[in-house]
PDB file of N, CA and C in Angstrom:
ATOM      1  N   MET A   1       0.814  -1.081  -0.054  1.00  0.00           N
ATOM      2  CA  MET A   1       0.113   0.113  -0.075  1.00  0.00           C
ATOM      3  C   MET A   1       0.801   1.385  -0.097  1.00  0.00           C
ATOM      4  N   ALA A   2       0.456   2.235  -0.751  1.00  0.00           N
ATOM      5  CA  ALA A   2       1.284   3.514  -0.765  1.00  0.00           C
ATOM      6  C   ALA A   2       1.242   4.188   0.487  1.00  0.00           C
ATOM      7  N   ARG A   3       2.347   4.960   0.716  1.00  0.00           N
ATOM      8  CA  ARG A   3       2.284   5.566   2.110  1.00  0.00           C
ATOM      9  C   ARG A   3       1.415   6.869   1.998  1.00  0.00           C
ATOM     10  N   ARG A   4       0.586   7.160   2.756  1.00  0.00           N
ATOM     11  CA  ARG A   4      -0.060   8.394   2.832  1.00  0.00           C
ATOM     12  C   ARG A   4       0.308   9.513   3.784  1.00  0.00           C
ATOM     13  N   ARG A   5       0.443  10.616   3.549  1.00  0.00           N
ATOM     14  CA  ARG A   5       0.502  11.754   4.643  1.00  0.00           C
ATOM     15  C   ARG A   5       0.207  12.903   3.881  1.00  0.00           C
ATOM     16  N   LEU A   6      -0.054  13.776   4.849  1.00  0.00           N
ATOM     17  CA  LEU A   6      -0.323  15.303   4.288  1.00  0.00           C
ATOM     18  C   LEU A   6       0.751  16.196   4.013  1.00  0.00           C
ATOM     19  N   ILE A   7       0.568  16.928   3.084  1.00  0.00           N
ATOM     20  CA  ILE A   7       1.713  17.763   2.731  1.00  0.00           C
ATOM     21  C   ILE A   7       0.928  19.303   2.513  1.00  0.00           C
ATOM     22  N   ARG A   8       1.821  20.284   2.784  1.00  0.00           N
ATOM     23  CA  ARG A   8       1.124  21.738   2.622  1.00  0.00           C
ATOM     24  C   ARG A   8       1.726  22.231   1.288  1.00  0.00           C
ATOM     25  N   VAL A   9       0.834  22.952   0.640  1.00  0.00           N
ATOM     26  CA  VAL A   9       1.148  23.846  -0.568  1.00  0.00           C
ATOM     27  C   VAL A   9       0.466  25.124  -0.556  1.00  0.00           C
ATOM     28  N   GLU A  10       1.132  26.036  -1.054  1.00  0.00           N
ATOM     29  CA  GLU A  10       0.483  27.404  -1.148  1.00  0.00           C
ATOM     30  C   GLU A  10       0.377  27.715  -2.707  1.00  0.00           C
ATOM     31  N   VAL A  11      -0.780  28.158  -3.155  1.00  0.00           N
ATOM     32  CA  VAL A  11      -1.215  28.552  -4.567  1.00  0.00           C
ATOM     33  C   VAL A  11      -0.524  29.782  -5.028  1.00  0.00           C
ATOM     34  N   SER A  12       0.032  29.820  -5.988  1.00  0.00           N
ATOM     35  CA  SER A  12       0.448  31.064  -6.595  1.00  0.00           C
ATOM     36  C   SER A  12      -0.026  31.067  -8.079  1.00  0.00           C
ATOM     37  N   GLY A  13      -0.341  32.253  -8.689  1.00  0.00           N
ATOM     38  CA  GLY A  13      -0.901  32.466  -9.836  1.00  0.00           C
ATOM     39  C   GLY A  13      -2.483  32.467  -9.922  1.00  0.00           C
ATOM     40  N   GLU A  14      -2.980  32.574 -10.954  1.00  0.00           N
ATOM     41  CA  GLU A  14      -4.433  32.593 -10.877  1.00  0.00           C
ATOM     42  C   GLU A  14      -5.198  31.517 -12.067  1.00  0.00           C
ATOM     43  N   SER A  15      -4.386  30.429 -12.239  1.00  0.00           N
ATOM     44  CA  SER A  15      -4.586  29.517 -13.168  1.00  0.00           C
ATOM     45  C   SER A  15      -5.982  28.867 -12.444  1.00  0.00           C
ATOM     46  N   MET A  16      -6.269  28.674 -11.353  1.00  0.00           N
ATOM     47  CA  MET A  16      -7.191  27.670 -10.816  1.00  0.00           C
ATOM     48  C   MET A  16      -8.264  28.473 -10.223  1.00  0.00           C
ATOM     49  N   LEU A  17      -8.383  30.004 -10.582  1.00  0.00           N
ATOM     50  CA  LEU A  17      -9.650  30.739 -10.370  1.00  0.00           C
ATOM     51  C   LEU A  17     -10.881  30.129 -11.105  1.00  0.00           C
ATOM     52  N   PRO A  18     -11.965  30.130 -10.664  1.00  0.00           N
ATOM     53  CA  PRO A  18     -12.346  30.835  -9.081  1.00  0.00           C
ATOM     54  C   PRO A  18     -12.035  29.849  -7.992  1.00  0.00           C
ATOM     55  N   ALA A  19     -11.957  28.514  -8.112  1.00  0.00           N
ATOM     56  CA  ALA A  19     -11.919  27.336  -7.171  1.00  0.00           C
ATOM     57  C   ALA A  19     -10.652  27.674  -6.044  1.00  0.00           C
ATOM     58  N   LEU A  20      -9.519  28.203  -6.589  1.00  0.00           N
ATOM     59  CA  LEU A  20      -8.366  28.629  -5.650  1.00  0.00           C
ATOM     60  C   LEU A  20      -7.819  29.757  -6.063  1.00  0.00           C
ATOM     61  N   ARG A  21      -7.338  30.805  -5.041  1.00  0.00           N
ATOM     62  CA  ARG A  21      -6.785  31.910  -5.490  1.00  0.00           C
ATOM     63  C   ARG A  21      -5.501  32.109  -4.848  1.00  0.00           C
ATOM     64  N   PRO A  22      -4.577  32.979  -5.343  1.00  0.00           N
ATOM     65  CA  PRO A  22      -3.183  32.942  -4.927  1.00  0.00           C
ATOM     66  C   PRO A  22      -3.211  33.372  -3.248  1.00  0.00           C
ATOM     67  N   GLY A  23      -2.223  32.670  -2.731  1.00  0.00           N
ATOM     68  CA  GLY A  23      -2.183  32.910  -1.287  1.00  0.00           C
ATOM     69  C   GLY A  23      -2.980  31.857  -0.550  1.00  0.00           C
ATOM     70  N   ASP A  24      -3.772  31.083  -1.349  1.00  0.00           N
ATOM     71  CA  ASP A  24      -4.628  29.896  -0.663  1.00  0.00           C
ATOM     72  C   ASP A  24      -3.695  28.882  -0.251  1.00  0.00           C
ATOM     73  N   TRP A  25      -3.886  28.298   1.003  1.00  0.00           N
ATOM     74  CA  TRP A  25      -2.958  27.183   1.564  1.00  0.00           C
ATOM     75  C   TRP A  25      -3.759  26.191   1.609  1.00  0.00           C
ATOM     76  N   LEU A  26      -3.180  24.710   1.080  1.00  0.00           N
ATOM     77  CA  LEU A  26      -3.888  23.524   0.603  1.00  0.00           C
ATOM     78  C   LEU A  26      -3.247  22.430   1.526  1.00  0.00           C
ATOM     79  N   LEU A  27      -4.028  21.640   1.913  1.00  0.00           N
ATOM     80  CA  LEU A  27      -3.578  20.456   2.263  1.00  0.00           C
ATOM     81  C   LEU A  27      -3.900  19.187   1.425  1.00  0.00           C
ATOM     82  N   VAL A  28      -2.743  18.352   0.993  1.00  0.00           N
ATOM     83  CA  VAL A  28      -2.622  17.624  -0.103  1.00  0.00           C
ATOM     84  C   VAL A  28      -2.389  16.075   0.503  1.00  0.00           C
ATOM     85  N   LEU A  29      -3.375  15.148   0.088  1.00  0.00           N
ATOM     86  CA  LEU A  29      -3.157  13.761   0.552  1.00  0.00           C
ATOM     87  C   LEU A  29      -2.086  13.187  -0.286  1.00  0.00           C
ATOM     88  N   ALA A  30      -0.965  13.066   0.151  1.00  0.00           N
ATOM     89  CA  ALA A  30       0.149  12.394  -0.937  1.00  0.00           C
ATOM     90  C   ALA A  30      -0.192  10.996  -0.682  1.00  0.00           C
ATOM     91  N   GLY A  31      -0.230  10.384  -1.868  1.00  0.00           N
ATOM     92  CA  GLY A  31      -0.328   8.786  -2.222  1.00  0.00           C
ATOM     93  C   GLY A  31      -2.006   8.615  -2.254  1.00  0.00           C
ATOM     94  N   GLY A  32      -2.648   9.456  -2.131  1.00  0.00           N
ATOM     95  CA  GLY A  32      -4.111   9.371  -2.235  1.00  0.00           C
ATOM     96  C   GLY A  32      -4.655   9.296  -3.555  1.00  0.00           C
ATOM     97  N   ARG A  33      -5.439   8.390  -3.602  1.00  0.00           N
ATOM     98  CA  ARG A  33      -6.283   7.985  -5.030  1.00  0.00           C
ATOM     99  C   ARG A  33      -6.979   9.318  -5.718  1.00  0.00           C
ATOM    100  N   VAL A  34      -6.623   9.239  -6.976  1.00  0.00           N
ATOM    101  CA  VAL A  34      -6.955  10.429  -7.816  1.00  0.00           C
ATOM    102  C   VAL A  34      -8.137  10.062  -8.620  1.00  0.00           C
ATOM    103  N   ALA A  35      -9.143  10.925  -8.761  1.00  0.00           N
ATOM    104  CA  ALA A  35     -10.283  10.737  -9.848  1.00  0.00           C
ATOM    105  C   ALA A  35     -10.542  11.782 -10.513  1.00  0.00           C
ATOM    106  N   PRO A  36     -11.031  11.713 -11.861  1.00  0.00           N
ATOM    107  CA  PRO A  36     -11.450  12.892 -12.612  1.00  0.00           C
ATOM    108  C   PRO A  36     -12.219  14.062 -11.730  1.00  0.00           C
ATOM    109  N   GLY A  37     -11.913  15.106 -11.992  1.00  0.00           N
ATOM    110  CA  GLY A  37     -12.564  16.432 -11.034  1.00  0.00           C
ATOM    111  C   GLY A  37     -11.813  16.817  -9.880  1.00  0.00           C
ATOM    112  N   ASP A  38     -10.831  15.962  -9.685  1.00  0.00           N
ATOM    113  CA  ASP A  38      -9.897  15.957  -8.219  1.00  0.00           C
ATOM    114  C   ASP A  38      -9.221  17.217  -8.544  1.00  0.00           C
ATOM    115  N   ILE A  39      -8.581  18.095  -7.474  1.00  0.00           N
ATOM    116  CA  ILE A  39      -7.597  19.025  -7.795  1.00  0.00           C
ATOM    117  C   ILE A  39      -6.409  18.362  -6.989  1.00  0.00           C
ATOM    118  N   VAL A  40      -5.179  18.342  -7.999  1.00  0.00           N
ATOM    119  CA  VAL A  40      -4.257  17.625  -7.532  1.00  0.00           C
ATOM    120  C   VAL A  40      -2.988  18.507  -7.675  1.00  0.00           C
ATOM    121  N   VAL A  41      -1.768  18.097  -6.979  1.00  0.00           N
ATOM    122  CA  VAL A  41      -0.559  18.717  -6.937  1.00  0.00           C
ATOM    123  C   VAL A  41       0.399  17.657  -7.723  1.00  0.00           C
ATOM    124  N   ALA A  42       1.131  18.311  -8.646  1.00  0.00           N
ATOM    125  CA  ALA A  42       2.147  17.416  -9.591  1.00  0.00           C
ATOM    126  C   ALA A  42       3.426  18.306  -9.545  1.00  0.00           C
ATOM    127  N   GLY A  43       4.195  17.402  -9.908  1.00  0.00           N
ATOM    128  CA  GLY A  43       5.831  18.024 -10.363  1.00  0.00           C
ATOM    129  C   GLY A  43       5.491  18.335 -11.946  1.00  0.00           C
ATOM    130  N   HIS A  44       6.167  19.646 -12.083  1.00  0.00           N
ATOM    131  CA  HIS A  44       6.159  19.981 -13.509  1.00  0.00           C
ATOM    132  C   HIS A  44       6.639  19.207 -14.433  1.00  0.00           C
ATOM    133  N   PRO A  45       6.271  18.521 -15.470  1.00  0.00           N
ATOM    134  CA  PRO A  45       6.942  17.691 -16.226  1.00  0.00           C
ATOM    135  C   PRO A  45       8.242  18.342 -16.960  1.00  0.00           C
ATOM    136  N   ARG A  46       8.409  19.444 -17.036  1.00  0.00           N
ATOM    137  CA  ARG A  46       9.360  20.304 -17.866  1.00  0.00           C
ATOM    138  C   ARG A  46      10.489  21.058 -16.861  1.00  0.00           C
ATOM    139  N   GLU A  47       9.857  21.130 -15.655  1.00  0.00           N
ATOM    140  CA  GLU A  47      10.802  22.087 -14.786  1.00  0.00           C
ATOM    141  C   GLU A  47      10.941  21.359 -13.511  1.00  0.00           C
ATOM    142  N   PRO A  48      11.974  20.498 -13.291  1.00  0.00           N
ATOM    143  CA  PRO A  48      12.033  19.571 -12.100  1.00  0.00           C
ATOM    144  C   PRO A  48      12.191  20.484 -10.769  1.00  0.00           C
ATOM    145  N   GLY A  49      11.499  20.185  -9.781  1.00  0.00           N
ATOM    146  CA  GLY A  49      11.450  20.896  -8.558  1.00  0.00           C
ATOM    147  C   GLY A  49      10.304  21.833  -8.582  1.00  0.00           C
ATOM    148  N   ARG A  50       9.516  22.066  -9.755  1.00  0.00           N
ATOM    149  CA  ARG A  50       8.408  23.089  -9.577  1.00  0.00           C
ATOM    150  C   ARG A  50       7.197  22.358  -9.555  1.00  0.00           C
ATOM    151  N   LEU A  51       6.305  22.671  -8.487  1.00  0.00           N
ATOM    152  CA  LEU A  51       4.874  21.993  -8.437  1.00  0.00           C
ATOM    153  C   LEU A  51       3.901  22.848  -9.135  1.00  0.00           C
ATOM    154  N   ILE A  52       2.937  22.162  -9.586  1.00  0.00           N
ATOM    155  CA  ILE A  52       1.828  22.854 -10.235  1.00  0.00           C
ATOM    156  C   ILE A  52       0.335  22.290  -9.543  1.00  0.00           C
ATOM    157  N   VAL A  53      -0.495  22.997  -9.309  1.00  0.00           N
ATOM    158  CA  VAL A  53      -1.968  22.648  -8.735  1.00  0.00           C
ATOM    159  C   VAL A  53      -2.792  22.670 -10.066  1.00  0.00           C
ATOM    160  N   LYS A  54      -3.282  21.761 -10.364  1.00  0.00           N
ATOM    161  CA  LYS A  54      -4.238  21.615 -11.401  1.00  0.00           C
ATOM    162  C   LYS A  54      -5.580  20.517 -11.224  1.00  0.00           C
ATOM    163  N   ARG A  55      -6.473  20.561 -12.252  1.00  0.00           N
ATOM    164  CA  ARG A  55      -7.644  19.662 -12.065  1.00  0.00           C
ATOM    165  C   ARG A  55      -7.352  18.504 -12.734  1.00  0.00           C
ATOM    166  N   ALA A  56      -7.608  17.485 -12.405  1.00  0.00           N
ATOM    167  CA  ALA A  56      -7.269  15.895 -13.156  1.00  0.00           C
ATOM    168  C   ALA A  56      -8.604  15.988 -13.837  1.00  0.00           C
ATOM    169  N   ALA A  57      -8.601  15.985 -15.317  1.00  0.00           N
ATOM    170  CA  ALA A  57      -9.433  15.959 -16.290  1.00  0.00           C
ATOM    171  C   ALA A  57      -9.859  14.599 -16.584  1.00  0.00           C
ATOM    172  N   HIS A  58      -8.745  13.784 -17.110  1.00  0.00           N
ATOM    173  CA  HIS A  58      -9.041  12.256 -17.270  1.00  0.00           C
ATOM    174  C   HIS A  58      -7.624  11.497 -17.442  1.00  0.00           C
ATOM    175  N   ARG A  59      -7.697  10.313 -17.201  1.00  0.00           N
ATOM    176  CA  ARG A  59      -6.630   9.507 -17.429  1.00  0.00           C
ATOM    177  C   ARG A  59      -6.152   9.443 -18.866  1.00  0.00           C
ATOM    178  N   SER A  60      -4.779   9.357 -19.143  1.00  0.00           N
ATOM    179  CA  SER A  60      -4.114   9.346 -20.529  1.00  0.00           C
ATOM    180  C   SER A  60      -3.097   8.604 -20.590  1.00  0.00           C
ATOM    181  N   GLY A  61      -3.289   7.153 -21.056  1.00  0.00           N
ATOM    182  CA  GLY A  61      -1.948   6.608 -21.019  1.00  0.00           C
ATOM    183  C   GLY A  61      -1.589   6.160 -19.498  1.00  0.00           C
ATOM    184  N   ASP A  62      -0.297   6.334 -19.082  1.00  0.00           N
ATOM    185  CA  ASP A  62       0.234   6.043 -17.822  1.00  0.00           C
ATOM    186  C   ASP A  62       0.281   7.412 -17.113  1.00  0.00           C
ATOM    187  N   GLY A  63      -0.741   8.232 -17.139  1.00  0.00           N
ATOM    188  CA  GLY A  63      -0.617   9.576 -16.313  1.00  0.00           C
ATOM    189  C   GLY A  63      -2.171  10.049 -16.536  1.00  0.00           C
ATOM    190  N   TRP A  64      -2.087  11.496 -16.197  1.00  0.00           N
ATOM    191  CA  TRP A  64      -3.196  12.321 -16.021  1.00  0.00           C
ATOM    192  C   TRP A  64      -3.271  13.411 -16.861  1.00  0.00           C
ATOM    193  N   TRP A  65      -4.311  13.881 -17.538  1.00  0.00           N
ATOM    194  CA  TRP A  65      -4.549  14.955 -18.340  1.00  0.00           C
ATOM    195  C   TRP A  65      -4.776  15.995 -17.185  1.00  0.00           C
ATOM    196  N   LEU A  66      -3.867  17.165 -17.006  1.00  0.00           N
ATOM    197  CA  LEU A  66      -4.164  18.009 -15.878  1.00  0.00           C
ATOM    198  C   LEU A  66      -4.561  19.283 -16.841  1.00  0.00           C
ATOM    199  N   GLU A  67      -5.412  20.012 -16.322  1.00  0.00           N
ATOM    200  CA  GLU A  67      -6.090  21.201 -16.791  1.00  0.00           C
ATOM    201  C   GLU A  67      -6.074  22.327 -15.642  1.00  0.00           C
ATOM    202  N   SER A  68      -5.997  23.542 -16.240  1.00  0.00           N
ATOM    203  CA  SER A  68      -6.237  24.965 -15.185  1.00  0.00           C
ATOM    204  C   SER A  68      -7.671  25.262 -15.468  1.00  0.00           C
ATOM    205  N   ASP A  69      -8.327  25.556 -14.264  1.00  0.00           N
ATOM    206  CA  ASP A  69      -9.748  25.965 -14.211  1.00  0.00           C
ATOM    207  C   ASP A  69      -9.875  27.320 -15.313  1.00  0.00           C
ATOM    208  N   ASN A  70      -8.982  28.033 -15.156  1.00  0.00           N
ATOM    209  CA  ASN A  70      -8.915  29.484 -15.810  1.00  0.00           C
ATOM    210  C   ASN A  70      -7.824  29.375 -16.952  1.00  0.00           C
ATOM    211  N   GLN A  71      -8.389  28.938 -18.094  1.00  0.00           N
ATOM    212  CA  GLN A  71      -7.410  28.956 -19.385  1.00  0.00           C
ATOM    213  C   GLN A  71      -7.024  30.250 -19.811  1.00  0.00           C
ATOM    214  N   ARG A  72      -7.559  31.399 -19.241  1.00  0.00           N
ATOM    215  CA  ARG A  72      -7.022  32.726 -19.811  1.00  0.00           C
ATOM    216  C   ARG A  72      -5.844  33.508 -18.679  1.00  0.00           C
ATOM    217  N   ALA A  73      -5.662  32.652 -17.727  1.00  0.00           N
ATOM    218  CA  ALA A  73      -4.651  33.199 -16.678  1.00  0.00           C
ATOM    219  C   ALA A  73      -3.332  33.424 -17.245  1.00  0.00           C
ATOM    220  N   ALA A  74      -2.812  34.511 -17.040  1.00  0.00           N
ATOM    221  CA  ALA A  74      -1.442  34.755 -17.467  1.00  0.00           C
ATOM    222  C   ALA A  74      -0.400  33.773 -16.995  1.00  0.00           C
ATOM    223  N   GLY A  75       0.574  33.220 -17.910  1.00  0.00           N
ATOM    224  CA  GLY A  75       1.462  32.440 -17.529  1.00  0.00           C
ATOM    225  C   GLY A  75       0.972  30.826 -17.511  1.00  0.00           C
ATOM    226  N   ARG A  76      -0.413  30.794 -17.670  1.00  0.00           N
ATOM    227  CA  ARG A  76      -0.978  29.204 -17.341  1.00  0.00           C
ATOM    228  C   ARG A  76      -0.386  28.069 -18.265  1.00  0.00           C
ATOM    229  N   GLN A  77       0.024  27.213 -17.449  1.00  0.00           N
ATOM    230  CA  GLN A  77       0.735  26.054 -17.991  1.00  0.00           C
ATOM    231  C   GLN A  77       0.102  24.869 -17.582  1.00  0.00           C
ATOM    232  N   ASP A  78      -0.442  23.894 -18.598  1.00  0.00           N
ATOM    233  CA  ASP A  78      -1.190  22.560 -18.074  1.00  0.00           C
ATOM    234  C   ASP A  78      -0.823  21.644 -19.232  1.00  0.00           C
ATOM    235  N   SER A  79      -1.784  20.500 -19.258  1.00  0.00           N
ATOM    236  CA  SER A  79      -1.433  19.467 -20.147  1.00  0.00           C
ATOM    237  C   SER A  79      -1.753  19.839 -21.804  1.00  0.00           C
ATOM    238  N   TRP A  80      -2.374  21.274 -21.968  1.00  0.00           N
ATOM    239  CA  TRP A  80      -2.518  21.750 -23.227  1.00  0.00           C
ATOM    240  C   TRP A  80      -1.040  22.184 -23.882  1.00  0.00           C
ATOM    241  N   ASP A  81      -0.325  22.314 -22.655  1.00  0.00           N
ATOM    242  CA  ASP A  81       1.212  22.760 -23.019  1.00  0.00           C
ATOM    243  C   ASP A  81       1.970  21.799 -23.088  1.00  0.00           C
ATOM    244  N   PHE A  82       2.054  20.582 -22.222  1.00  0.00           N
ATOM    245  CA  PHE A  82       3.146  19.640 -22.148  1.00  0.00           C
ATOM    246  C   PHE A  82       2.279  18.233 -22.083  1.00  0.00           C
ATOM    247  N   ASP A  83       1.416  17.993 -22.387  1.00  0.00           N
ATOM    248  CA  ASP A  83       0.742  16.730 -22.451  1.00  0.00           C
ATOM    249  C   ASP A  83       0.499  16.311 -21.161  1.00  0.00           C
ATOM    250  N   ALA A  84      -0.082  14.909 -21.102  1.00  0.00           N
ATOM    251  CA  ALA A  84      -0.466  14.186 -19.900  1.00  0.00           C
ATOM    252  C   ALA A  84       0.895  14.128 -18.906  1.00  0.00           C
ATOM    253  N   VAL A  85       0.447  14.272 -17.803  1.00  0.00           N
ATOM    254  CA  VAL A  85       1.605  14.094 -16.554  1.00  0.00           C
ATOM    255  C   VAL A  85       1.674  12.706 -16.018  1.00  0.00           C
ATOM    256  N   PRO A  86       2.741  12.475 -16.143  1.00  0.00           N
ATOM    257  CA  PRO A  86       2.922  10.868 -15.716  1.00  0.00           C
ATOM    258  C   PRO A  86       2.629  10.731 -14.164  1.00  0.00           C
ATOM    259  N   ASP A  87       1.996   9.324 -14.036  1.00  0.00           N
ATOM    260  CA  ASP A  87       1.621   9.067 -12.525  1.00  0.00           C
ATOM    261  C   ASP A  87       2.871   9.424 -11.455  1.00  0.00           C
ATOM    262  N   ARG A  88       3.934   9.161 -11.932  1.00  0.00           N
ATOM    263  CA  ARG A  88       5.057   9.318 -11.111  1.00  0.00           C
ATOM    264  C   ARG A  88       5.195  10.820 -10.495  1.00  0.00           C
ATOM    265  N   LEU A  89       4.817  11.769 -11.396  1.00  0.00           N
ATOM    266  CA  LEU A  89       4.902  13.205 -10.886  1.00  0.00           C
ATOM    267  C   LEU A  89       3.635  13.703 -10.247  1.00  0.00           C
ATOM    268  N   VAL A  90       2.550  12.922 -10.088  1.00  0.00           N
ATOM    269  CA  VAL A  90       1.301  13.385  -9.238  1.00  0.00           C
ATOM    270  C   VAL A  90       1.554  12.935  -7.875  1.00  0.00           C
ATOM    271  N   ARG A  91       1.710  13.942  -7.099  1.00  0.00           N
ATOM    272  CA  ARG A  91       1.970  14.046  -5.799  1.00  0.00           C
ATOM    273  C   ARG A  91       0.831  13.776  -4.688  1.00  0.00           C
ATOM    274  N   GLY A  92      -0.340  14.106  -5.138  1.00  0.00           N
ATOM    275  CA  GLY A  92      -1.521  13.724  -4.645  1.00  0.00           C
ATOM    276  C   GLY A  92      -2.556  14.690  -4.703  1.00  0.00           C
ATOM    277  N   ARG A  93      -3.830  14.520  -4.296  1.00  0.00           N
ATOM    278  CA  ARG A  93      -4.934  15.146  -4.445  1.00  0.00           C
ATOM    279  C   ARG A  93      -5.179  16.213  -3.213  1.00  0.00           C
ATOM    280  N   VAL A  94      -5.789  17.469  -3.623  1.00  0.00           N
ATOM    281  CA  VAL A  94      -5.974  18.202  -2.555  1.00  0.00           C
ATOM    282  C   VAL A  94      -7.138  17.797  -1.860  1.00  0.00           C
ATOM    283  N   VAL A  95      -7.143  17.911  -0.542  1.00  0.00           N
ATOM    284  CA  VAL A  95      -8.364  17.648   0.380  1.00  0.00           C
ATOM    285  C   VAL A  95      -9.055  18.657   1.100  1.00  0.00           C
ATOM    286  N   ALA A  96      -8.136  19.909   1.262  1.00  0.00           N
ATOM    287  CA  ALA A  96      -8.798  21.097   2.008  1.00  0.00           C
ATOM    288  C   ALA A  96      -7.871  22.304   1.626  1.00  0.00           C
ATOM    289  N   ARG A  97      -8.771  23.312   1.987  1.00  0.00           N
ATOM    290  CA  ARG A  97      -7.957  24.679   2.218  1.00  0.00           C
ATOM    291  C   ARG A  97      -8.059  25.017   3.551  1.00  0.00           C
ATOM    292  N   TYR A  98      -6.776  25.551   4.006  1.00  0.00           N
ATOM    293  CA  TYR A  98      -6.731  25.780   5.854  1.00  0.00           C
ATOM    294  C   TYR A  98      -6.479  27.409   5.923  1.00  0.00           C
ATOM    295  N   ARG A  99      -6.150  27.870   4.934  1.00  0.00           N
ATOM    296  CA  ARG A  99      -5.741  29.440   4.832  1.00  0.00           C
ATOM    297  C   ARG A  99      -6.058  30.203   3.400  1.00  0.00           C
ATOM    298  N   PRO A 100      -6.738  31.141   3.438  1.00  0.00           N
ATOM    299  CA  PRO A 100      -7.094  32.006   4.599  1.00  0.00           C
ATOM    300  C   PRO A 100      -8.318  31.226   5.407  1.00  0.00           C
ATOM    301  N   LEU A 101      -8.556  31.641   6.806  1.00  0.00           N
ATOM    302  CA  LEU A 101      -9.389  31.062   7.457  1.00  0.00           C
ATOM    303  C   LEU A 101     -10.903  31.254   7.198  1.00  0.00           C
ATOM    304  N   ALA A 102     -11.220  32.509   6.371  1.00  0.00           N
ATOM    305  CA  ALA A 102     -12.579  32.636   6.135  1.00  0.00           C
ATOM    306  C   ALA A 102     -12.812  31.948   4.672  1.00  0.00           C
ATOM    307  N   ARG A 103     -11.948  31.314   4.155  1.00  0.00           N
ATOM    308  CA  ARG A 103     -12.095  30.156   3.054  1.00  0.00           C
ATOM    309  C   ARG A 103     -11.707  28.859   3.251  1.00  0.00           C
ATOM    310  N   ALA A 104     -11.613  28.540   4.501  1.00  0.00           N
ATOM    311  CA  ALA A 104     -11.135  27.226   5.035  1.00  0.00           C
ATOM    312  C   ALA A 104     -12.138  26.066   4.765  1.00  0.00           C
ATOM    313  N   GLY A 105     -11.910  24.910   4.340  1.00  0.00           N
ATOM    314  CA  GLY A 105     -12.934  23.922   4.366  1.00  0.00           C
ATOM    315  C   GLY A 105     -12.304  22.743   3.392  1.00  0.00           C
ATOM    316  N   LEU A 106     -13.022  21.779   3.319  1.00  0.00           N
ATOM    317  CA  LEU A 106     -12.660  20.701   2.441  1.00  0.00           C
ATOM    318  C   LEU A 106     -13.068  21.135   1.034  1.00  0.00           C
ATOM    319  N   LEU A 107     -12.341  20.253   0.225  1.00  0.00           N
ATOM    320  CA  LEU A 107     -12.589  20.706  -1.370  1.00  0.00           C
ATOM    321  C   LEU A 107     -13.174  19.470  -1.999  1.00  0.00           C
ATOM    322  N   ARG A 108     -13.995  19.366  -2.587  1.00  0.00           N
ATOM    323  CA  ARG A 108     -14.763  18.397  -3.375  1.00  0.00           C
ATOM    324  C   ARG A 108     -14.469  18.356  -4.608  1.00  0.00           C
ATOM    325  N   ARG A 109     -14.653  17.169  -5.301  1.00  0.00           N
ATOM    326  CA  ARG A 109     -14.596  17.129  -6.946  1.00  0.00           C
ATOM    327  C   ARG A 109     -15.340  18.041  -7.583  1.00  0.00           C
ATOM    328  N   GLY A 110     -14.562  18.815  -8.746  1.00  0.00           N
ATOM    329  CA  GLY A 110     -15.518  19.753  -9.476  1.00  0.00           C
ATOM    330  C   GLY A 110     -15.898  19.258 -10.649  1.00  0.00           C
TER     331      GLY A 110
END
């Protein structure tokens, strides 16, 4: 069984508006099962060390097609730019936002 743990990630950029805003802090279930509609955190396939927050649209081969909710965001990059993201780069699914407190809560599939 895959090891599950919670990791924290801060959102930067506007590619996930309106669901997520810059400055939102998220809890990610690493090793958690991903399904279409989940918001996930993955390693950027072309920039090692950089994480991206995207919506899992569908399975594609041995990976996930990840999309931005806001396709018009400046600097937006997702599977339309780099194709499906291999499973090994998908770190986990977002389960909650904990900051800012006024927007804290569980996140459900979109």
